[in-house]
All heavy atoms as atom14 arrays in JSON, in Angstrom:
{
  "sequence": "VRRGVEAARKSFREVTIDASGAHLADEGLARPSATW",
  "atom14_mask": [
    [1, 1, 1, 1, 1, 1, 1, 0, 0, 0, 0, 0, 0, 0],
    [1, 1, 1, 1, 1, 1, 1, 1, 1, 1, 1, 0, 0, 0],
    [1, 1, 1, 1, 1, 1, 1, 1, 1, 1, 1, 0, 0, 0],
    [1, 1, 1, 1, 0, 0, 0, 0, 0, 0, 0, 0, 0, 0],
    [1, 1, 1, 1, 1, 1, 1, 0, 0, 0, 0, 0, 0, 0],
    [1, 1, 1, 1, 1, 1, 1, 1, 1, 0, 0, 0, 0, 0],
    [1, 1, 1, 1, 1, 0, 0, 0, 0, 0, 0, 0, 0, 0],
    [1, 1, 1, 1, 1, 0, 0, 0, 0, 0, 0, 0, 0, 0],
    [1, 1, 1, 1, 1, 1, 1, 1, 1, 1, 1, 0, 0, 0],
    [1, 1, 1, 1, 1, 1, 1, 1, 1, 0, 0, 0, 0, 0],
    [1, 1, 1, 1, 1, 1, 0, 0, 0, 0, 0, 0, 0, 0],
    [1, 1, 1, 1, 1, 1, 1, 1, 1, 1, 1, 0, 0, 0],
    [1, 1, 1, 1, 1, 1, 1, 1, 1, 1, 1, 0, 0, 0],
    [1, 1, 1, 1, 1, 1, 1, 1, 1, 0, 0, 0, 0, 0],
    [1, 1, 1, 1, 1, 1, 1, 0, 0, 0, 0, 0, 0, 0],
    [1, 1, 1, 1, 1, 1, 1, 0, 0, 0, 0, 0, 0, 0],
    [1, 1, 1, 1, 1, 1, 1, 1, 0, 0, 0, 0, 0, 0],
    [1, 1, 1, 1, 1, 1, 1, 1, 0, 0, 0, 0, 0, 0],
    [1, 1, 1, 1, 1, 0, 0, 0, 0, 0, 0, 0, 0, 0],
    [1, 1, 1, 1, 1, 1, 0, 0, 0, 0, 0, 0, 0, 0],
    [1, 1, 1, 1, 0, 0, 0, 0, 0, 0, 0, 0, 0, 0],
    [1, 1, 1, 1, 1, 0, 0, 0, 0, 0, 0, 0, 0, 0],
    [1, 1, 1, 1, 1, 1, 1, 1, 1, 1, 0, 0, 0, 0],
    [1, 1, 1, 1, 1, 1, 1, 1, 0, 0, 0, 0, 0, 0],
    [1, 1, 1, 1, 1, 0, 0, 0, 0, 0, 0, 0, 0, 0],
    [1, 1, 1, 1, 1, 1, 1, 1, 0, 0, 0, 0, 0, 0],
    [1, 1, 1, 1, 1, 1, 1, 1, 1, 0, 0, 0, 0, 0],
    [1, 1, 1, 1, 0, 0, 0, 0, 0, 0, 0, 0, 0, 0],
    [1, 1, 1, 1, 1, 1, 1, 1, 0, 0, 0, 0, 0, 0],
    [1, 1, 1, 1, 1, 0, 0, 0, 0, 0, 0, 0, 0, 0],
    [1, 1, 1, 1, 1, 1, 1, 1, 1, 1, 1, 0, 0, 0],
    [1, 1, 1, 1, 1, 1, 1, 0, 0, 0, 0, 0, 0, 0],
    [1, 1, 1, 1, 1, 1, 0, 0, 0, 0, 0, 0, 0, 0],
    [1, 1, 1, 1, 1, 0, 0, 0, 0, 0, 0, 0, 0, 0],
    [1, 1, 1, 1, 1, 1, 1, 0, 0, 0, 0, 0, 0, 0],
    [1, 1, 1, 1, 1, 1, 1, 1, 1, 1, 1, 1, 1, 1]
  ],
  "atom14_positions": [
    [[86.87, 90.65, 156.49], [87.81, 91.29, 155.56], [87.11, 92.37, 154.75], [87.66, 93.45, 154.53], [88.46, 90.23, 154.64], [89.31, 90.91, 153.57], [89.31, 89.26, 155.46], [0.0, 0.0, 0.0], [0.0, 0.0, 0.0], [0.0, 0.0, 0.0], [0.0, 0.0, 0.0], [0.0, 0.0, 0.0], [0.0, 0.0, 0.0], [0.0, 0.0, 0.0]],
    [[85.86, 92.07, 154.33], [85.14, 93.07, 153.54], [84.94, 94.36, 154.34], [85.19, 95.46, 153.84], [83.77, 92.51, 153.11], [83.0, 93.45, 152.17], [81.57, 93.01, 152.02], [80.84, 93.08, 153.28], [80.36, 94.22, 153.8], [80.59, 95.38, 153.2], [79.71, 94.2, 154.94], [0.0, 0.0, 0.0], [0.0, 0.0, 0.0], [0.0, 0.0, 0.0]],
    [[84.5, 94.22, 155.61], [84.29, 95.4, 156.44], [85.62, 96.12, 156.69], [85.67, 97.35, 156.7], [83.66, 95.01, 157.79], [82.2, 94.63, 157.69], [81.53, 94.71, 159.05], [82.21, 93.92, 160.06], [81.91, 92.65, 160.35], [80.95, 92.04, 159.68], [82.56, 91.99, 161.28], [0.0, 0.0, 0.0], [0.0, 0.0, 0.0], [0.0, 0.0, 0.0]],
    [[86.67, 95.33, 156.91], [87.98, 95.94, 157.14], [88.46, 96.73, 155.96], [89.0, 97.84, 156.11], [0.0, 0.0, 0.0], [0.0, 0.0, 0.0], [0.0, 0.0, 0.0], [0.0, 0.0, 0.0], [0.0, 0.0, 0.0], [0.0, 0.0, 0.0], [0.0, 0.0, 0.0], [0.0, 0.0, 0.0], [0.0, 0.0, 0.0], [0.0, 0.0, 0.0]],
    [[88.27, 96.16, 154.77], [88.7, 96.86, 153.55], [87.86, 98.11, 153.31], [88.4, 99.17, 152.94], [88.64, 95.91, 152.34], [88.87, 96.69, 151.05], [89.67, 94.8, 152.48], [0.0, 0.0, 0.0], [0.0, 0.0, 0.0], [0.0, 0.0, 0.0], [0.0, 0.0, 0.0], [0.0, 0.0, 0.0], [0.0, 0.0, 0.0], [0.0, 0.0, 0.0]],
    [[86.55, 98.01, 153.52], [85.68, 99.18, 153.32], [86.07, 100.32, 154.27], [86.15, 101.48, 153.87], [84.21, 98.8, 153.55], [83.6, 97.95, 152.45], [83.59, 98.67, 151.12], [83.24, 99.88, 151.1], [83.93, 98.05, 150.1], [0.0, 0.0, 0.0], [0.0, 0.0, 0.0], [0.0, 0.0, 0.0], [0.0, 0.0, 0.0], [0.0, 0.0, 0.0]],
    [[86.32, 99.97, 155.53], [86.72, 100.99, 156.5], [88.09, 101.56, 156.16], [88.33, 102.78, 156.31], [86.75, 100.38, 157.91], [0.0, 0.0, 0.0], [0.0, 0.0, 0.0], [0.0, 0.0, 0.0], [0.0, 0.0, 0.0], [0.0, 0.0, 0.0], [0.0, 0.0, 0.0], [0.0, 0.0, 0.0], [0.0, 0.0, 0.0], [0.0, 0.0, 0.0]],
    [[88.99, 100.7, 155.67], [90.32, 101.16, 155.27], [90.25, 102.12, 154.08], [90.99, 103.11, 154.02], [91.22, 99.96, 154.95], [0.0, 0.0, 0.0], [0.0, 0.0, 0.0], [0.0, 0.0, 0.0], [0.0, 0.0, 0.0], [0.0, 0.0, 0.0], [0.0, 0.0, 0.0], [0.0, 0.0, 0.0], [0.0, 0.0, 0.0], [0.0, 0.0, 0.0]],
    [[89.38, 101.82, 153.14], [89.21, 102.71, 151.98], [88.74, 104.09, 152.42], [89.23, 105.12, 151.93], [88.2, 102.11, 150.99], [88.69, 100.89, 150.26], [87.62, 100.29, 149.37], [87.19, 101.24, 148.32], [86.26, 100.96, 147.4], [85.68, 99.76, 147.39], [85.94, 101.86, 146.49], [0.0, 0.0, 0.0], [0.0, 0.0, 0.0], [0.0, 0.0, 0.0]],
    [[87.82, 104.1, 153.38], [87.31, 105.39, 153.87], [88.43, 106.16, 154.56], [88.61, 107.38, 154.33], [86.16, 105.15, 154.85], [85.5, 106.41, 155.41], [84.29, 106.03, 156.27], [83.55, 107.28, 156.74], [84.34, 108.1, 157.67], [0.0, 0.0, 0.0], [0.0, 0.0, 0.0], [0.0, 0.0, 0.0], [0.0, 0.0, 0.0], [0.0, 0.0, 0.0]],
    [[89.2, 105.48, 155.4], [90.32, 106.16, 156.08], [91.38, 106.61, 155.09], [91.97, 107.69, 155.23], [90.97, 105.2, 157.11], [90.07, 104.94, 158.17], [0.0, 0.0, 0.0], [0.0, 0.0, 0.0], [0.0, 0.0, 0.0], [0.0, 0.0, 0.0], [0.0, 0.0, 0.0], [0.0, 0.0, 0.0], [0.0, 0.0, 0.0], [0.0, 0.0, 0.0]],
    [[91.63, 105.8, 154.06], [92.61, 106.16, 153.03], [92.23, 107.46, 152.34], [93.07, 108.3, 152.01], [92.72, 105.01, 152.03], [93.8, 105.18, 151.01], [95.14, 105.18, 151.37], [93.48, 105.31, 149.65], [96.14, 105.32, 150.41], [94.47, 105.45, 148.69], [95.81, 105.46, 149.08], [0.0, 0.0, 0.0], [0.0, 0.0, 0.0], [0.0, 0.0, 0.0]],
    [[90.91, 107.62, 152.15], [90.43, 108.86, 151.49], [90.51, 110.06, 152.42], [90.79, 111.17, 151.97], [88.97, 108.67, 151.03], [88.77, 107.68, 149.91], [87.36, 107.81, 149.32], [86.3, 107.63, 150.32], [85.71, 106.48, 150.58], [86.11, 105.38, 149.93], [84.75, 106.41, 151.47], [0.0, 0.0, 0.0], [0.0, 0.0, 0.0], [0.0, 0.0, 0.0]],
    [[90.27, 109.83, 153.7], [90.04, 110.97, 154.6], [91.19, 111.29, 155.54], [91.34, 112.44, 155.96], [88.78, 110.69, 155.44], [87.52, 110.53, 154.59], [86.31, 110.13, 155.43], [86.48, 109.94, 156.67], [85.21, 109.99, 154.85], [0.0, 0.0, 0.0], [0.0, 0.0, 0.0], [0.0, 0.0, 0.0], [0.0, 0.0, 0.0], [0.0, 0.0, 0.0]],
    [[92.01, 110.29, 155.9], [93.06, 110.52, 156.89], [94.24, 111.26, 156.27], [94.6, 111.02, 155.11], [93.54, 109.18, 157.48], [94.84, 109.33, 158.24], [92.47, 108.59, 158.39], [0.0, 0.0, 0.0], [0.0, 0.0, 0.0], [0.0, 0.0, 0.0], [0.0, 0.0, 0.0], [0.0, 0.0, 0.0], [0.0, 0.0, 0.0], [0.0, 0.0, 0.0]],
    [[94.82, 112.17, 157.03], [96.01, 112.89, 156.57], [97.19, 111.93, 156.47], [97.49, 111.19, 157.4], [96.37, 114.02, 157.55], [95.26, 114.93, 157.61], [97.63, 114.75, 157.1], [0.0, 0.0, 0.0], [0.0, 0.0, 0.0], [0.0, 0.0, 0.0], [0.0, 0.0, 0.0], [0.0, 0.0, 0.0], [0.0, 0.0, 0.0], [0.0, 0.0, 0.0]],
    [[97.85, 111.95, 155.3], [99.05, 111.13, 155.08], [100.16, 112.07, 154.66], [100.03, 112.86, 153.72], [98.81, 110.07, 154.0], [97.73, 109.07, 154.45], [100.11, 109.33, 153.67], [97.36, 108.05, 153.4], [0.0, 0.0, 0.0], [0.0, 0.0, 0.0], [0.0, 0.0, 0.0], [0.0, 0.0, 0.0], [0.0, 0.0, 0.0], [0.0, 0.0, 0.0]],
    [[101.28, 112.0, 155.39], [102.44, 112.83, 155.05], [103.71, 112.01, 155.25], [103.65, 110.78, 155.39], [102.46, 114.12, 155.87], [102.49, 113.89, 157.38], [102.93, 112.78, 157.79], [102.07, 114.78, 158.13], [0.0, 0.0, 0.0], [0.0, 0.0, 0.0], [0.0, 0.0, 0.0], [0.0, 0.0, 0.0], [0.0, 0.0, 0.0], [0.0, 0.0, 0.0]],
    [[104.83, 112.68, 155.3], [106.12, 111.98, 155.39], [106.26, 111.14, 156.65], [107.05, 110.2, 156.7], [107.26, 112.99, 155.31], [0.0, 0.0, 0.0], [0.0, 0.0, 0.0], [0.0, 0.0, 0.0], [0.0, 0.0, 0.0], [0.0, 0.0, 0.0], [0.0, 0.0, 0.0], [0.0, 0.0, 0.0], [0.0, 0.0, 0.0], [0.0, 0.0, 0.0]],
    [[105.48, 111.47, 157.71], [105.55, 110.71, 158.97], [104.54, 109.57, 159.02], [104.44, 108.86, 160.02], [105.34, 111.64, 160.16], [104.07, 112.26, 160.1], [0.0, 0.0, 0.0], [0.0, 0.0, 0.0], [0.0, 0.0, 0.0], [0.0, 0.0, 0.0], [0.0, 0.0, 0.0], [0.0, 0.0, 0.0], [0.0, 0.0, 0.0], [0.0, 0.0, 0.0]],
    [[103.76, 109.38, 157.96], [102.82, 108.27, 157.9], [101.37, 108.7, 157.9], [101.04, 109.85, 157.58], [0.0, 0.0, 0.0], [0.0, 0.0, 0.0], [0.0, 0.0, 0.0], [0.0, 0.0, 0.0], [0.0, 0.0, 0.0], [0.0, 0.0, 0.0], [0.0, 0.0, 0.0], [0.0, 0.0, 0.0], [0.0, 0.0, 0.0], [0.0, 0.0, 0.0]],
    [[100.49, 107.77, 158.26], [99.04, 108.03, 158.31], [98.66, 108.51, 159.7], [98.96, 107.83, 160.68], [98.28, 106.76, 157.96], [0.0, 0.0, 0.0], [0.0, 0.0, 0.0], [0.0, 0.0, 0.0], [0.0, 0.0, 0.0], [0.0, 0.0, 0.0], [0.0, 0.0, 0.0], [0.0, 0.0, 0.0], [0.0, 0.0, 0.0], [0.0, 0.0, 0.0]],
    [[97.98, 109.64, 159.79], [97.61, 110.24, 161.08], [96.23, 109.73, 161.52], [95.25, 110.48, 161.57], [97.63, 111.77, 160.98], [99.01, 112.33, 160.81], [99.68, 113.0, 161.8], [99.87, 112.27, 159.75], [100.88, 113.36, 161.37], [101.02, 112.93, 160.12], [0.0, 0.0, 0.0], [0.0, 0.0, 0.0], [0.0, 0.0, 0.0], [0.0, 0.0, 0.0]],
    [[96.18, 108.45, 161.85], [94.91, 107.84, 162.25], [94.37, 108.45, 163.53], [93.15, 108.61, 163.69], [95.11, 106.33, 162.45], [95.33, 105.5, 161.17], [95.87, 104.13, 161.54], [94.04, 105.38, 160.38], [0.0, 0.0, 0.0], [0.0, 0.0, 0.0], [0.0, 0.0, 0.0], [0.0, 0.0, 0.0], [0.0, 0.0, 0.0], [0.0, 0.0, 0.0]],
    [[95.26, 108.81, 164.45], [94.83, 109.35, 165.74], [94.02, 110.63, 165.59], [93.12, 110.91, 166.38], [96.04, 109.59, 166.65], [0.0, 0.0, 0.0], [0.0, 0.0, 0.0], [0.0, 0.0, 0.0], [0.0, 0.0, 0.0], [0.0, 0.0, 0.0], [0.0, 0.0, 0.0], [0.0, 0.0, 0.0], [0.0, 0.0, 0.0], [0.0, 0.0, 0.0]],
    [[94.34, 111.41, 164.55], [93.62, 112.68, 164.34], [92.15, 112.43, 164.03], [91.31, 113.32, 164.21], [94.27, 113.46, 163.19], [95.68, 113.93, 163.53], [96.03, 113.88, 164.72], [96.41, 114.33, 162.6], [0.0, 0.0, 0.0], [0.0, 0.0, 0.0], [0.0, 0.0, 0.0], [0.0, 0.0, 0.0], [0.0, 0.0, 0.0], [0.0, 0.0, 0.0]],
    [[91.85, 111.22, 163.55], [90.46, 110.87, 163.22], [89.84, 109.97, 164.29], [88.81, 109.34, 164.06], [90.42, 110.16, 161.86], [91.01, 110.95, 160.71], [90.24, 112.25, 160.46], [89.0, 112.23, 160.61], [90.9, 113.27, 160.13], [0.0, 0.0, 0.0], [0.0, 0.0, 0.0], [0.0, 0.0, 0.0], [0.0, 0.0, 0.0], [0.0, 0.0, 0.0]],
    [[90.51, 109.92, 165.45], [89.99, 109.09, 166.54], [90.17, 107.61, 166.31], [89.44, 106.78, 166.87], [0.0, 0.0, 0.0], [0.0, 0.0, 0.0], [0.0, 0.0, 0.0], [0.0, 0.0, 0.0], [0.0, 0.0, 0.0], [0.0, 0.0, 0.0], [0.0, 0.0, 0.0], [0.0, 0.0, 0.0], [0.0, 0.0, 0.0], [0.0, 0.0, 0.0]],
    [[91.16, 107.24, 165.5], [91.39, 105.85, 165.15], [92.69, 105.29, 165.7], [93.25, 104.34, 165.17], [91.37, 105.68, 163.62], [90.1, 106.13, 162.9], [90.25, 105.98, 161.4], [88.89, 105.34, 163.4], [0.0, 0.0, 0.0], [0.0, 0.0, 0.0], [0.0, 0.0, 0.0], [0.0, 0.0, 0.0], [0.0, 0.0, 0.0], [0.0, 0.0, 0.0]],
    [[93.19, 105.9, 166.78], [94.47, 105.45, 167.34], [94.33, 104.07, 167.97], [93.28, 103.72, 168.51], [94.96, 106.45, 168.38], [0.0, 0.0, 0.0], [0.0, 0.0, 0.0], [0.0, 0.0, 0.0], [0.0, 0.0, 0.0], [0.0, 0.0, 0.0], [0.0, 0.0, 0.0], [0.0, 0.0, 0.0], [0.0, 0.0, 0.0], [0.0, 0.0, 0.0]],
    [[95.42, 103.31, 167.92], [95.46, 102.05, 168.65], [95.46, 102.35, 170.15], [95.79, 103.48, 170.55], [96.7, 101.26, 168.25], [96.61, 100.67, 166.85], [97.85, 99.87, 166.5], [97.69, 99.25, 165.18], [97.15, 98.06, 164.95], [96.71, 97.35, 165.98], [97.02, 97.58, 163.74], [0.0, 0.0, 0.0], [0.0, 0.0, 0.0], [0.0, 0.0, 0.0]],
    [[95.12, 101.37, 170.99], [95.07, 101.64, 172.44], [96.38, 102.2, 172.96], [97.46, 101.79, 172.53], [94.78, 100.26, 173.04], [94.11, 99.5, 171.94], [94.72, 100.0, 170.66], [0.0, 0.0, 0.0], [0.0, 0.0, 0.0], [0.0, 0.0, 0.0], [0.0, 0.0, 0.0], [0.0, 0.0, 0.0], [0.0, 0.0, 0.0], [0.0, 0.0, 0.0]],
    [[96.28, 103.15, 173.9], [97.48, 103.76, 174.47], [98.18, 102.79, 175.42], [99.34, 102.97, 175.76], [97.11, 105.03, 175.23], [96.17, 104.74, 176.25], [0.0, 0.0, 0.0], [0.0, 0.0, 0.0], [0.0, 0.0, 0.0], [0.0, 0.0, 0.0], [0.0, 0.0, 0.0], [0.0, 0.0, 0.0], [0.0, 0.0, 0.0], [0.0, 0.0, 0.0]],
    [[97.47, 101.78, 175.88], [98.06, 100.79, 176.79], [97.4, 99.44, 176.54], [96.24, 99.37, 176.14], [97.86, 101.21, 178.24], [0.0, 0.0, 0.0], [0.0, 0.0, 0.0], [0.0, 0.0, 0.0], [0.0, 0.0, 0.0], [0.0, 0.0, 0.0], [0.0, 0.0, 0.0], [0.0, 0.0, 0.0], [0.0, 0.0, 0.0], [0.0, 0.0, 0.0]],
    [[98.15, 98.37, 176.72], [97.57, 97.03, 176.65], [97.95, 96.25, 177.89], [98.92, 96.56, 178.56], [98.08, 96.25, 175.41], [99.5, 96.1, 175.51], [97.74, 96.99, 174.13], [0.0, 0.0, 0.0], [0.0, 0.0, 0.0], [0.0, 0.0, 0.0], [0.0, 0.0, 0.0], [0.0, 0.0, 0.0], [0.0, 0.0, 0.0], [0.0, 0.0, 0.0]],
    [[97.15, 95.25, 178.2], [97.48, 94.36, 179.3], [96.92, 92.98, 178.98], [96.19, 92.81, 178.01], [96.92, 94.88, 180.63], [95.44, 95.04, 180.64], [94.51, 94.07, 180.83], [94.71, 96.25, 180.41], [93.24, 94.6, 180.76], [93.34, 95.94, 180.51], [95.08, 97.57, 180.15], [92.35, 96.9, 180.33], [94.1, 98.51, 179.99], [92.75, 98.18, 180.08]]
  ]
}
């Protein structure tokens, strides 16, 4: 949880946030495009 929160704080500071949400993919943080 500590590492998760620290990483989330960094993304919160740096990731673009607009009316469509948080643009995690722009920072290479997208969830997998496919799962199996």
